[in-house]
């Protein structure tokens, strides 16, 4: 992918990795992320990570939804899956470099973050996506950037899976993104990119966001070390 944008390399940042790409089916990718995140820490960068639930969360949520439980319970089950994925990444980073347990709240996160290790989170509370957790953490630590390692390669003006003429956006404002995502479902297990709560937090914190293809670990490396953006920059 051609690089159209560059920013100042971040010194303090949050990475949100989609559970659709970081899970037990992609152990090689998990190992690559673990190695790079450990390297970031060793180079003196301040970072934290949030991992989504992905396909496994959706399977569990779909099963209990058929049983007839509440959406709140569906969310709780999804949170457990995100924490399992977080533990998977923690093991790849190494327990000497990563905080050993995914925090369950922002308060727990801040205590873990003070350890100086890489803190890997899953979900926090029902009704709150991991994208919202990542946005909240980025706000709390005054992050230079929130990097979204997504299963899509960028933000488009409409769904590229449905429209062949969808155009990739190199830069998009948070207001325009809201228009693009306004029809998105917010049921448990169905968050895509940024849900309304995550967008609200980003709006108030004014944290820049970069969306990139999360299967390309080297894109995160280029972003952090060189400020190169392979995807979309979301601005205020």
Foldseek 3Di string as FASTA:
>chain_A
DDFDDFDPFWQEEEEEEELQAQDPVNLVLLLVVLVVLLVSLVVPGQYEYEYFQHPVLVVVLVVVVVVPDDLQVSQVSRQVSRQVSQQSSDVSNPVVAEPNGADQDVVSVVVRSVVSHHHYHYYHHRLAHSLLVRLVNCLVVVTQEYEYQFQDAADWLEDCVVDVPIDFAQEEELVSVCVRCVPFDSGPPRDHDDDPNSSVSCVVSFHKYAYGHNSPVVQVVCCNPPRTGRYHIYGD
